[in-house]
Protein backbone atom coordinates (compact mmCIF):
# COMPACT_ATOMS: atom_id res chain seq x y z
CA MET A 1 1.74 13.11 -24.37
CA THR A 2 1.19 11.06 -21.23
CA VAL A 3 4.15 8.76 -20.65
CA ARG A 4 3.10 5.14 -20.16
CA THR A 5 5.56 2.36 -19.42
CA ARG A 6 5.13 -1.30 -18.60
CA VAL A 7 6.89 -4.31 -17.17
CA ALA A 8 5.68 -7.66 -18.49
CA PRO A 9 7.09 -10.67 -16.59
CA SER A 10 6.38 -14.28 -17.44
CA PRO A 11 5.03 -16.26 -14.45
CA THR A 12 7.33 -19.22 -15.03
CA GLY A 13 9.65 -19.22 -12.03
CA ASP A 14 11.01 -17.22 -9.13
CA PRO A 15 10.60 -13.41 -9.20
CA HIS A 16 13.91 -12.31 -10.75
CA VAL A 17 15.94 -9.26 -9.71
CA GLY A 18 16.21 -8.48 -13.44
CA THR A 19 12.43 -8.01 -13.50
CA ALA A 20 12.68 -5.63 -10.56
CA TYR A 21 15.52 -3.77 -12.31
CA MET A 22 13.38 -3.14 -15.40
CA ALA A 23 10.29 -2.37 -13.32
CA LEU A 24 12.24 0.24 -11.33
CA PHE A 25 13.33 2.15 -14.44
CA CYS A 26 9.88 1.88 -16.02
CA LEU A 27 8.30 3.26 -12.85
CA CYS A 28 10.78 6.13 -12.46
CA LEU A 29 10.47 7.17 -16.10
CA ALA A 30 6.66 7.25 -15.94
CA ARG A 31 6.29 8.83 -12.49
CA HIS A 32 8.89 11.53 -13.19
CA GLN A 33 6.77 12.60 -16.17
CA GLY A 34 3.48 12.31 -14.29
CA GLY A 35 2.52 9.23 -16.32
CA GLN A 36 1.43 5.66 -15.59
CA PHE A 37 3.31 2.43 -14.92
CA ILE A 38 1.55 -0.78 -16.03
CA LEU A 39 2.13 -4.41 -15.07
CA ARG A 40 1.17 -7.05 -17.62
CA ILE A 41 1.49 -10.82 -17.23
CA GLU A 42 2.87 -12.68 -20.28
CA ASP A 43 1.47 -16.14 -19.59
CA THR A 44 0.87 -17.62 -23.04
CA ASP A 45 3.33 -20.42 -22.19
CA ALA A 46 0.61 -22.55 -20.66
CA VAL A 47 2.96 -25.40 -19.75
CA ARG A 48 5.38 -23.34 -17.67
CA SER A 49 3.14 -20.54 -16.39
CA SER A 50 1.44 -20.83 -13.01
CA ALA A 51 -0.82 -18.77 -10.81
CA GLU A 52 1.57 -19.35 -7.90
CA SER A 53 4.46 -17.84 -9.85
CA GLU A 54 2.31 -14.85 -10.80
CA GLN A 55 1.46 -14.19 -7.16
CA ASN A 56 5.13 -14.53 -6.25
CA ILE A 57 6.05 -11.87 -8.80
CA LEU A 58 3.31 -9.48 -7.66
CA GLY A 59 4.23 -10.00 -4.02
CA ALA A 60 7.94 -9.48 -4.61
CA LEU A 61 7.47 -6.24 -6.56
CA ASN A 62 5.05 -5.01 -3.91
CA TRP A 63 7.61 -5.84 -1.20
CA LEU A 64 10.08 -3.60 -3.05
CA GLY A 65 7.50 -0.81 -3.23
CA LEU A 66 7.39 -0.87 -7.05
CA ASN A 67 3.63 -0.40 -7.27
CA TRP A 68 1.77 -0.17 -10.58
CA ASP A 69 -1.19 1.91 -11.73
CA GLU A 70 -2.80 -0.78 -13.90
CA GLY A 71 -2.49 -4.56 -13.77
CA PRO A 72 -4.24 -7.91 -13.32
CA ASP A 73 -4.82 -7.32 -9.61
CA VAL A 74 -5.87 -3.65 -9.72
CA GLY A 75 -7.60 -3.52 -13.11
CA GLY A 76 -7.55 -0.56 -15.46
CA PRO A 77 -8.98 0.78 -18.73
CA HIS A 78 -7.02 -1.67 -20.89
CA ALA A 79 -7.94 -4.94 -19.17
CA PRO A 80 -7.42 -7.82 -19.30
CA TYR A 81 -3.76 -7.62 -18.27
CA ARG A 82 -2.99 -11.32 -18.68
CA GLN A 83 -2.08 -12.42 -22.19
CA SER A 84 -3.88 -15.75 -21.74
CA GLU A 85 -7.12 -13.73 -21.50
CA ARG A 86 -6.41 -11.81 -24.74
CA LEU A 87 -6.10 -14.66 -27.26
CA ASP A 88 -9.02 -13.50 -29.41
CA ILE A 89 -7.35 -10.10 -29.75
CA TYR A 90 -4.14 -11.64 -31.07
CA ARG A 91 -5.93 -13.88 -33.57
CA GLU A 92 -7.88 -10.91 -34.88
CA HIS A 93 -4.62 -9.05 -35.51
CA VAL A 94 -3.01 -12.07 -37.17
CA ASP A 95 -5.96 -12.18 -39.56
CA ARG A 96 -5.35 -8.52 -40.39
CA LEU A 97 -1.73 -9.28 -41.27
CA LEU A 98 -2.72 -12.26 -43.43
CA GLU A 99 -5.35 -10.25 -45.30
CA ALA A 100 -2.86 -7.44 -45.95
CA GLY A 101 -0.22 -9.87 -47.22
CA HIS A 102 2.23 -9.13 -44.40
CA ALA A 103 2.09 -12.69 -43.03
CA PHE A 104 1.69 -16.20 -44.40
CA HIS A 105 0.81 -19.74 -43.32
CA CYS A 106 3.76 -22.08 -42.87
CA PHE A 107 3.22 -25.85 -43.02
CA CYS A 108 6.86 -26.88 -42.54
CA THR A 109 7.29 -29.76 -40.11
CA PRO A 110 9.69 -29.56 -37.15
CA GLN A 111 11.86 -32.15 -38.93
CA ARG A 112 12.16 -30.01 -42.05
CA LEU A 113 12.99 -26.93 -40.00
CA ASP A 114 15.68 -28.82 -38.06
CA ASP A 115 17.23 -30.12 -41.28
CA MET A 116 17.13 -26.62 -42.77
CA ARG A 117 18.95 -25.09 -39.78
CA ARG A 118 21.60 -27.83 -39.74
CA GLU A 119 22.34 -27.22 -43.43
CA GLN A 120 22.53 -23.47 -42.85
CA MET A 121 24.92 -23.94 -39.94
CA ALA A 122 27.08 -26.28 -42.05
CA ARG A 123 27.34 -23.52 -44.66
CA GLY A 124 28.19 -20.94 -42.01
CA GLU A 125 24.95 -19.02 -42.58
CA THR A 126 22.65 -17.31 -40.09
CA GLY A 127 19.87 -19.68 -39.05
CA ARG A 128 16.60 -18.26 -40.38
CA TYR A 129 13.51 -19.48 -42.17
CA ASP A 130 14.17 -20.01 -45.89
CA GLY A 131 10.77 -18.86 -47.17
CA HIS A 132 9.73 -22.32 -48.34
CA CYS A 133 5.98 -21.77 -47.84
CA LEU A 134 5.97 -18.29 -49.34
CA ALA A 135 5.60 -19.92 -52.78
CA LEU A 136 2.27 -21.58 -51.92
CA THR A 137 -0.72 -20.26 -53.84
CA PRO A 138 -3.85 -19.08 -51.95
CA GLU A 139 -5.65 -22.19 -53.26
CA GLU A 140 -2.95 -24.52 -51.91
CA VAL A 141 -3.04 -22.80 -48.53
CA ALA A 142 -6.83 -23.00 -48.32
CA SER A 143 -6.80 -26.68 -49.30
CA ARG A 144 -4.19 -27.63 -46.69
CA LEU A 145 -5.95 -25.66 -43.97
CA GLU A 146 -9.27 -27.29 -44.83
CA ALA A 147 -7.61 -30.69 -44.59
CA GLY A 148 -6.57 -29.86 -41.03
CA GLU A 149 -2.85 -29.76 -41.72
CA PRO A 150 -0.96 -28.16 -38.81
CA SER A 151 0.44 -24.73 -39.58
CA THR A 152 1.95 -21.65 -38.03
CA VAL A 153 1.66 -18.05 -39.19
CA ARG A 154 4.92 -16.22 -39.96
CA MET A 155 5.58 -12.57 -40.65
CA LYS A 156 7.13 -11.48 -43.92
CA VAL A 157 10.54 -9.82 -43.78
CA PRO A 158 12.23 -7.88 -46.62
CA GLU A 159 14.78 -10.01 -48.47
CA ALA A 160 17.35 -7.22 -48.59
CA GLY A 161 18.13 -3.86 -47.06
CA VAL A 162 18.90 -2.46 -43.66
CA CYS A 163 16.54 -1.75 -40.78
CA THR A 164 17.41 1.32 -38.71
CA VAL A 165 16.20 1.10 -35.14
CA ARG A 166 16.26 4.22 -32.99
CA ASP A 167 17.31 3.64 -29.38
CA GLU A 168 17.07 6.42 -26.81
CA LEU A 169 20.43 5.45 -25.26
CA ARG A 170 22.39 4.27 -28.28
CA GLY A 171 21.08 6.35 -31.14
CA ASP A 172 20.48 4.69 -34.53
CA ILE A 173 21.24 0.96 -34.74
CA GLU A 174 21.46 -0.63 -38.18
CA ILE A 175 20.59 -4.31 -38.60
CA ASP A 176 20.68 -6.07 -41.96
CA TYR A 177 17.36 -7.71 -42.87
CA GLY A 178 19.38 -10.77 -43.88
CA GLN A 179 19.88 -11.36 -40.14
CA VAL A 180 16.16 -11.09 -39.33
CA ASP A 181 14.09 -14.27 -39.23
CA MET A 182 10.56 -14.61 -40.62
CA GLN A 183 9.26 -14.87 -37.09
CA VAL A 184 6.43 -17.21 -36.15
CA LEU A 185 3.57 -15.04 -34.90
CA LEU A 186 0.94 -17.69 -34.22
CA LYS A 187 1.86 -21.20 -33.10
CA THR A 188 0.18 -24.42 -34.21
CA ASP A 189 -1.88 -24.46 -31.00
CA GLY A 190 -3.33 -21.05 -31.87
CA ASN A 191 -1.39 -19.18 -29.20
CA PRO A 192 0.64 -16.11 -30.13
CA THR A 193 4.39 -15.88 -29.78
CA TYR A 194 5.95 -13.18 -27.66
CA HIS A 195 6.79 -11.04 -30.70
CA LEU A 196 3.19 -10.65 -31.83
CA ALA A 197 1.62 -10.33 -28.39
CA VAL A 198 4.07 -7.73 -27.11
CA VAL A 199 3.52 -5.43 -30.10
CA VAL A 200 -0.27 -5.72 -30.03
CA ASP A 201 -0.46 -5.26 -26.27
CA ASP A 202 1.92 -2.33 -26.16
CA HIS A 203 -0.08 -0.51 -28.83
CA LEU A 204 -3.51 -1.24 -27.40
CA MET A 205 -2.34 -0.33 -23.89
CA GLU A 206 -0.93 2.95 -25.26
CA ILE A 207 2.63 2.28 -24.12
CA THR A 208 4.81 5.23 -25.11
CA HIS A 209 8.22 4.07 -23.87
CA ILE A 210 9.53 0.49 -23.86
CA VAL A 211 12.27 -0.15 -21.30
CA ARG A 212 13.80 -3.60 -21.73
CA GLY A 213 17.13 -5.45 -21.67
CA GLU A 214 19.69 -5.04 -24.43
CA GLU A 215 19.25 -8.70 -25.41
CA TRP A 216 16.10 -7.58 -27.23
CA ILE A 217 17.93 -5.26 -29.63
CA ASN A 218 18.16 -7.95 -32.31
CA SER A 219 14.38 -8.46 -32.10
CA ALA A 220 13.65 -4.77 -32.57
CA PRO A 221 13.50 -4.97 -36.41
CA LYS A 222 10.71 -7.58 -36.18
CA HIS A 223 8.74 -5.40 -33.81
CA GLN A 224 9.35 -2.27 -35.87
CA LEU A 225 8.13 -4.08 -38.99
CA LEU A 226 4.94 -5.12 -37.20
CA TYR A 227 4.29 -1.53 -36.15
CA GLU A 228 4.72 -0.51 -39.79
CA TYR A 229 2.45 -3.32 -41.03
CA PHE A 230 -0.29 -2.23 -38.62
CA ASP A 231 0.35 1.45 -39.43
CA TRP A 232 0.97 2.22 -35.75
CA GLU A 233 3.44 4.64 -34.17
CA MET A 234 6.49 2.94 -32.68
CA PRO A 235 7.09 3.63 -28.96
CA VAL A 236 10.40 5.04 -27.80
CA LEU A 237 12.89 2.19 -27.26
CA ILE A 238 15.26 2.14 -24.28
CA HIS A 239 17.46 -0.95 -24.14
CA MET A 240 19.05 -1.22 -20.70
CA PRO A 241 22.42 -2.91 -20.15
CA LEU A 242 22.10 -6.36 -18.61
CA LEU A 243 22.97 -7.07 -15.01
CA ARG A 244 26.18 -9.10 -14.72
CA ASN A 245 27.82 -11.48 -12.28
CA PRO A 246 31.14 -10.34 -10.79
CA ASP A 247 32.92 -12.30 -13.56
CA LYS A 248 30.98 -10.15 -16.09
CA SER A 249 28.85 -13.08 -17.31
CA LYS A 250 25.08 -12.56 -17.57
CA LEU A 251 23.46 -12.61 -14.15
CA SER A 252 22.27 -16.15 -13.48
CA LYS A 253 21.14 -18.14 -10.49
CA ARG A 254 24.02 -20.58 -10.94
CA LYS A 255 26.49 -17.87 -9.92
CA ASN A 256 24.41 -15.40 -7.95
CA PRO A 257 21.07 -15.61 -6.11
CA THR A 258 18.60 -13.98 -8.52
CA SER A 259 15.27 -14.41 -6.75
CA ILE A 260 13.93 -11.27 -5.08
CA TRP A 261 12.62 -13.39 -2.21
CA PHE A 262 16.15 -14.61 -1.45
CA TYR A 263 17.10 -11.07 -0.51
CA GLU A 264 14.01 -10.72 1.65
CA ARG A 265 14.84 -14.00 3.43
CA MET A 266 18.45 -12.86 3.90
CA GLY A 267 17.19 -9.79 5.76
CA PHE A 268 17.88 -7.02 3.29
CA MET A 269 15.76 -3.89 3.49
CA PRO A 270 13.59 -3.43 0.38
CA GLU A 271 14.62 0.23 0.28
CA ALA A 272 18.27 -0.82 0.02
CA VAL A 273 17.61 -3.38 -2.72
CA VAL A 274 15.75 -0.77 -4.81
CA ASN A 275 18.50 1.77 -4.12
CA TYR A 276 21.14 -0.73 -5.27
CA LEU A 277 19.29 -1.65 -8.46
CA GLY A 278 18.96 2.05 -9.21
CA MET A 279 22.65 2.81 -8.76
CA LEU A 280 23.62 -0.15 -10.96
CA GLY A 281 22.26 1.51 -14.09
CA TRP A 282 21.89 5.16 -13.15
CA SER A 283 23.47 7.88 -11.05
CA MET A 284 22.24 10.82 -9.02
CA PRO A 285 23.31 14.29 -10.22
CA ASP A 286 25.35 14.78 -7.03
CA GLY A 287 26.94 11.31 -7.23
CA GLU A 288 25.40 10.16 -3.93
CA GLU A 289 25.08 6.37 -3.84
CA LYS A 290 22.40 6.14 -1.16
CA PHE A 291 19.02 7.46 -2.27
CA SER A 292 15.34 6.65 -1.84
CA LEU A 293 12.92 5.60 -4.54
CA GLN A 294 11.13 8.94 -4.29
CA ARG A 295 14.41 10.79 -4.67
CA MET A 296 15.25 8.72 -7.76
CA ILE A 297 11.85 9.52 -9.28
CA GLU A 298 12.33 13.23 -8.66
CA GLN A 299 15.79 13.31 -10.23
CA PHE A 300 15.24 10.72 -12.97
CA SER A 301 16.53 11.31 -16.49
CA THR A 302 17.38 8.76 -19.17
CA GLU A 303 20.50 10.83 -19.86
CA ARG A 304 21.96 9.56 -16.59
CA ILE A 305 21.52 5.87 -17.49
CA THR A 306 24.94 4.26 -17.89
CA LEU A 307 25.72 1.86 -20.73
CA GLY A 308 28.48 -0.04 -18.95
CA SER A 309 28.07 -3.62 -17.72
CA PRO A 310 26.52 -3.23 -14.25
CA VAL A 311 27.86 -5.88 -11.85
CA PHE A 312 25.44 -7.22 -9.26
CA ASP A 313 27.75 -7.59 -6.27
CA VAL A 314 26.06 -8.95 -3.14
CA GLU A 315 28.87 -7.61 -0.95
CA LYS A 316 28.27 -4.07 -2.23
CA LEU A 317 24.55 -4.54 -1.61
CA LYS A 318 25.32 -5.63 1.98
CA TRP A 319 27.41 -2.48 2.49
CA LEU A 320 24.58 -0.31 1.20
CA ASN A 321 22.03 -2.19 3.32
CA GLY A 322 24.19 -1.52 6.37
CA ARG A 323 24.03 2.21 5.65
CA TRP A 324 20.25 2.04 5.42
CA ILE A 325 20.04 0.21 8.76
CA ARG A 326 22.34 2.64 10.57
CA GLU A 327 21.16 5.87 8.95
CA GLU A 328 17.42 5.30 8.55
CA LEU A 329 16.34 3.11 11.48
CA ASP A 330 16.38 4.06 15.13
CA ASP A 331 16.54 1.26 17.72
CA ARG A 332 12.78 0.87 17.97
CA GLN A 333 12.36 0.80 14.18
CA LEU A 334 15.11 -1.80 13.85
CA ALA A 335 13.42 -3.95 16.48
CA GLU A 336 10.12 -3.68 14.60
CA ARG A 337 11.82 -4.66 11.33
CA LEU A 338 13.44 -7.70 12.95
CA VAL A 339 10.14 -8.85 14.42
CA HIS A 340 8.40 -8.42 11.09
CA TRP A 341 11.23 -10.18 9.23
CA ALA A 342 11.66 -13.34 11.31
CA PHE A 343 10.28 -13.22 14.83
CA ASN A 344 6.66 -12.60 13.92
CA GLN A 345 3.78 -14.71 15.20
CA ASP A 346 3.28 -16.54 11.92
CA ASN A 347 6.88 -17.73 11.77
CA LEU A 348 6.91 -18.71 15.42
CA ASP A 349 3.65 -20.64 15.02
CA ARG A 350 5.27 -22.63 12.20
CA VAL A 351 8.65 -23.26 13.84
CA ILE A 352 7.57 -24.13 17.38
CA PRO A 353 6.03 -27.51 16.40
CA LEU A 354 9.38 -28.42 14.81
CA VAL A 355 11.48 -27.76 17.93
CA LYS A 356 9.09 -28.24 20.85
CA GLU A 357 9.78 -31.97 21.27
CA ARG A 358 13.52 -31.25 21.48
CA LEU A 359 13.29 -28.49 24.13
CA GLU A 360 14.02 -29.01 27.80
CA VAL A 361 14.71 -25.39 28.73
CA PHE A 362 13.90 -22.13 26.91
CA SER A 363 17.59 -21.36 26.41
CA GLU A 364 17.76 -24.21 23.90
CA PHE A 365 15.26 -22.45 21.66
CA GLY A 366 17.83 -20.01 20.25
CA PRO A 367 20.17 -22.66 18.84
CA GLN A 368 17.19 -24.63 17.52
CA LEU A 369 15.85 -21.49 15.85
CA GLY A 370 19.18 -20.59 14.29
CA PHE A 371 18.47 -22.27 10.95
CA LEU A 372 15.47 -19.99 10.43
CA VAL A 373 17.30 -16.68 10.80
CA ASP A 374 20.63 -17.76 9.34
CA GLY A 375 21.47 -16.62 5.83
CA LEU A 376 24.01 -18.83 4.11
CA PRO A 377 25.29 -21.12 6.90
CA SER A 378 28.96 -21.09 7.83
CA VAL A 379 29.93 -24.58 6.75
CA ALA A 380 33.26 -26.15 5.80
CA PRO A 381 34.13 -29.23 3.71
CA ALA A 382 34.74 -31.18 6.93
CA ASP A 383 31.09 -30.71 7.89
CA PHE A 384 30.06 -32.85 4.91
CA GLU A 385 32.40 -35.78 5.58
CA ASN A 386 30.50 -38.99 5.05
CA LYS A 387 31.48 -42.64 5.50
CA ARG A 388 29.53 -43.71 2.42
CA LEU A 389 30.31 -40.87 -0.02
CA ASP A 390 33.54 -39.12 -0.93
CA GLN A 391 33.61 -35.38 -1.65
CA ALA A 392 33.18 -35.75 -5.42
CA GLU A 393 30.09 -37.93 -4.89
CA ILE A 394 28.68 -35.43 -2.39
CA VAL A 395 29.10 -32.60 -4.91
CA ARG A 396 27.40 -34.75 -7.56
CA VAL A 397 24.46 -35.44 -5.25
CA LEU A 398 24.11 -31.79 -4.24
CA GLN A 399 24.25 -30.66 -7.86
CA PHE A 400 21.45 -33.05 -8.81
CA VAL A 401 19.49 -31.87 -5.77
CA SER A 402 20.03 -28.25 -6.83
CA TRP A 403 18.66 -28.89 -10.32
CA SER A 404 15.74 -30.87 -8.90
CA LEU A 405 14.84 -28.03 -6.54
CA ASP A 406 15.04 -25.49 -9.38
CA SER A 407 12.13 -27.18 -11.14
CA HIS A 408 10.17 -28.09 -8.01
CA GLY A 409 7.04 -26.06 -7.37
CA ASP A 410 5.13 -27.64 -4.45
CA TRP A 411 6.93 -26.55 -1.30
CA ARG A 412 5.06 -28.63 1.25
CA PRO A 413 6.93 -31.28 3.31
CA GLU A 414 5.35 -34.31 1.60
CA PRO A 415 6.17 -33.32 -2.01
CA ILE A 416 9.70 -32.35 -0.92
CA ASN A 417 10.08 -35.79 0.64
CA GLN A 418 8.86 -37.36 -2.59
CA LEU A 419 11.35 -35.34 -4.62
CA PHE A 420 14.24 -36.84 -2.68
CA ALA A 421 12.73 -40.33 -2.80
CA ASP A 422 12.43 -40.07 -6.58
CA LEU A 423 16.00 -38.81 -6.95
CA ALA A 424 17.33 -41.60 -4.73
CA GLY A 425 15.51 -44.15 -6.87
CA LYS A 426 16.93 -42.72 -10.11
CA LEU A 427 20.44 -42.72 -8.66
CA ASP A 428 19.98 -46.19 -7.15
CA MET A 429 21.01 -44.82 -3.76
CA LYS A 430 19.57 -45.00 -0.29
CA ILE A 431 17.61 -41.86 0.52
CA ARG A 432 19.59 -41.36 3.73
CA ASP A 433 22.76 -40.99 1.66
CA ILE A 434 21.05 -38.33 -0.47
CA LEU A 435 19.73 -36.48 2.56
CA ALA A 436 22.92 -36.45 4.67
CA PRO A 437 24.73 -33.65 2.78
CA VAL A 438 21.45 -31.83 2.13
CA PHE A 439 20.74 -31.73 5.86
CA VAL A 440 24.07 -29.99 6.49
CA ALA A 441 23.59 -27.63 3.53
CA ILE A 442 20.13 -26.55 4.69
CA SER A 443 20.63 -26.41 8.46
CA GLY A 444 24.36 -25.72 8.71
CA SER A 445 24.52 -28.39 11.39
CA ASN A 446 24.20 -32.11 12.02
CA VAL A 447 21.47 -31.40 14.56
CA ALA A 448 18.37 -29.44 13.53
CA PRO A 449 14.58 -29.73 13.21
CA PRO A 450 13.16 -32.20 10.65
CA LEU A 451 14.57 -31.52 7.18
CA PHE A 452 11.44 -31.43 4.99
CA GLU A 453 9.47 -29.29 7.44
CA SER A 454 12.48 -26.97 7.76
CA MET A 455 12.74 -26.63 3.99
CA ALA A 456 9.04 -25.85 3.73
CA LEU A 457 9.47 -23.15 6.38
CA LEU A 458 12.58 -21.62 4.78
CA GLY A 459 11.01 -21.58 1.32
CA PRO A 460 12.41 -22.35 -2.13
CA ASP A 461 14.68 -19.32 -2.56
CA MET A 462 16.70 -19.80 0.60
CA CYS A 463 16.87 -23.60 0.24
CA ARG A 464 18.13 -23.41 -3.33
CA ALA A 465 20.68 -20.77 -2.36
CA ARG A 466 21.95 -22.87 0.57
CA VAL A 467 22.42 -25.95 -1.59
CA ARG A 468 24.35 -23.93 -4.19
CA HIS A 469 26.37 -22.38 -1.36
CA ALA A 470 27.29 -25.86 -0.11
CA ILE A 471 28.45 -26.86 -3.60
CA ASN A 472 30.72 -23.80 -3.72
CA VAL A 473 32.10 -24.56 -0.25
CA LEU A 474 33.03 -28.02 -1.52
CA GLY A 475 34.99 -26.57 -4.43
CA GLY A 476 32.22 -25.94 -6.93
CA VAL A 477 31.66 -27.54 -10.32
CA SER A 478 33.89 -26.75 -13.29
CA LYS A 479 32.46 -26.18 -16.78
CA LYS A 480 33.72 -29.61 -17.83
CA GLN A 481 32.15 -31.27 -14.79
CA ALA A 482 28.92 -29.33 -15.32
CA LYS A 483 28.55 -30.60 -18.88
CA ARG A 484 29.13 -34.18 -17.78
CA LEU A 485 26.69 -33.88 -14.87
CA GLU A 486 24.07 -32.12 -17.01
CA LYS A 487 24.19 -35.02 -19.48
CA GLU A 488 23.84 -37.54 -16.66
CA TYR A 489 20.99 -35.57 -15.06
CA ALA A 490 19.16 -35.33 -18.38
CA GLY A 491 19.45 -39.10 -18.66
CA LEU A 492 17.89 -39.47 -15.21
CA ALA A 493 15.01 -37.19 -16.16
CA SER A 494 14.27 -39.19 -19.30
């Protein structure tokens, strides 16, 4: 058997280190066995997916050296590798399930489903579809479809019994069918849900081993049922432990930078980032913490995957990156890396127009350039002191700015300017009062090149990280404050 693995990110945001973590283990498993590693884009969420996000993901994984054998950019025998280009395939398979009696049309309105879930919660029951439309006769279904009534297609699930899921790391996992929902497979707009598309794609692309996060364990019974309904062989399941913040909560951008590009902008070596992701969930036979991707591939075994809660600690990553710099780069190589990282012609061409009008002698260029090569600026609460806003108001403004930047996609100066103008209008504040703390957060100084052009040059990952860093410097936001601010921000958005 040729081992085939895949990573299947959704192009709906920044390239996440969790994606790289899964891609690394998929690649090592396949390459160790002489197999293939596939990249597939799960872009059926038309509202949130974007071509820009897809390119960001591909670029970030390529930067890390996690290269694939088949994918949307390199092609392959199982193309297309974007789900949005495979819709006819999914509908064909839904029809097969309907004809075999393994799925059914559901005409329940969102209001009825909401009422049903509220009643179930009030009774202390697991929220799951109650089978209301299962009682419809074929004639009733045909009549309602002909009348154009909106419907979804759901999979049937046994009413009783236990599903036993085999996991390569955990052994047999038993899940009661009473906890398994009658999953929607086809939405009212005709697009598939993740659960249908992932099963169909994995089978048709001949995936033999599925490496994914442990949060998908509860979905495994649905997927296993679909494999049985289609009479297909189930791939080997490997559910990896989730990456955690230092406080053991699930890794999230609110507590830790999660974008791969942040680590590139901070000046980490891609070899060190890959090394660190590898040592978080796996160990070398000799216990050595520093190892190359090729060395990991050569020594890879699922038996050495650890099931603990791996903590993504940026300080530990910095220590490991320091070893890579000192042990792998001579002086000339380090100089070449620095030039490529920040002092390349493209960066200089972009930054010089921002500082040229402020230069009188060349020696002033270094301080002016500092914002570009700085990581998280060394700022203190005193740096944000403002005659118009107290510290609590500054934190409130920065938090709203952080959330606004999280959802902002166009990173040119003009749209960034408009973002702040819109936020100032919603808060009924002068834009200068919004921008004052942001200027310090982004530049680390009260004197720097123009803000919007600087933000465009730094890019979304570093700008978002610097704003969150400023919030933490000012004392952070408690859970109680966060809930209050989230409610207020939602009101602004509406």
